Amino acid sequence: MGLFTKDKKITGQVITVNIREIDLNPNQPRKYFDKAELESLAISIKENGLLQPLTVRKKSDDRYELIAGERRLRACILVGINEVRVIIEDRNEEESSVLAIIENIQRCDLNCIEEAVAMQRLMNHYGYTQEELARKLGKAQSTIANKIRLLKLSDKLLAKALEYDLCERQIRALIRLPEEQREKAEEHIYRYGLNVSETEKYIDKLLVKKRKADKPKWTFTAKRLYINNINRTLETMKKSGIEFISEKHEENGYLEYIIRIPHD
């Protein structure tokens, strides 16, 4: 039996229910609602009514759980509407969770972090692989992988990324840095208003600087050990009867060895 099997007696039925009988979807991926947009929608609904019914599923306790339309539901509550029209879908909890994500993704209502969190939650809760989730959401597996990767940023920095309105590519660039450098870099990106291209160039410069700083420093003792090894190798070759010509030059702070060994 497929994931989205339907009971035709229930699916698609439109009824009017008391708004207090509708529970929010605990797996709703959208966590942030713009206050001004919500107030504007509430005014519109008060003037014109709820034009599009909410989508719900019937629960075992005879209450309803919202599948799609949380922004509209919140707007109705805001203006004191007591009854709303709903479309009943015969879905279980798993189907409801997937549909909630699909509905928000299709409407472009989620930011990249909300998408990532929702996808990871589905994978953890229902045991989906990235490939299985990609098929259910109609996405490429690489898209799922890139979204999940955003969660490598700490919760604190993810919250800041939302506050600073950083996009997915900027967050992915931040993740390239060692963890101890990310917070300072994030503040810099925000303070100077860097766009995507500028952010990526800034991160590249930080990485180059770190690689140079991490490059091992040659001490006199370490150099002397390698030089002694070369000298011992030449001595061993000589004792073994291997013919060769060696030259050693010191000039401008460099030590140069030239070793010539005949082919025959």
Foldseek 3Di string as FASTA:
>chain_A
DDQQDFDVVAAFDKDKDFLVLEDEQPLQLDDDDDPVVLQVLLVVCVVPNDPDAFEWEQDPVRGIYGLDDVSVSVSCVVNPNTMTMYGYTHHDSLVSNLSSLLVCVVVVNDALQSNLVSLVVSCVPVVDDLVRSCVSNVHDSVSNVLSVVLPVQDPVVVVVCVVLVPHSLLSVLLVVDDNVCNVVLSVVCSVVVDDNVRSNVVSVVVVVVVVVVPPDDDDPVNVVVVVVVVVVVVVVCVVVVFDKDWDWDDDPNDIDIDIGGDPD
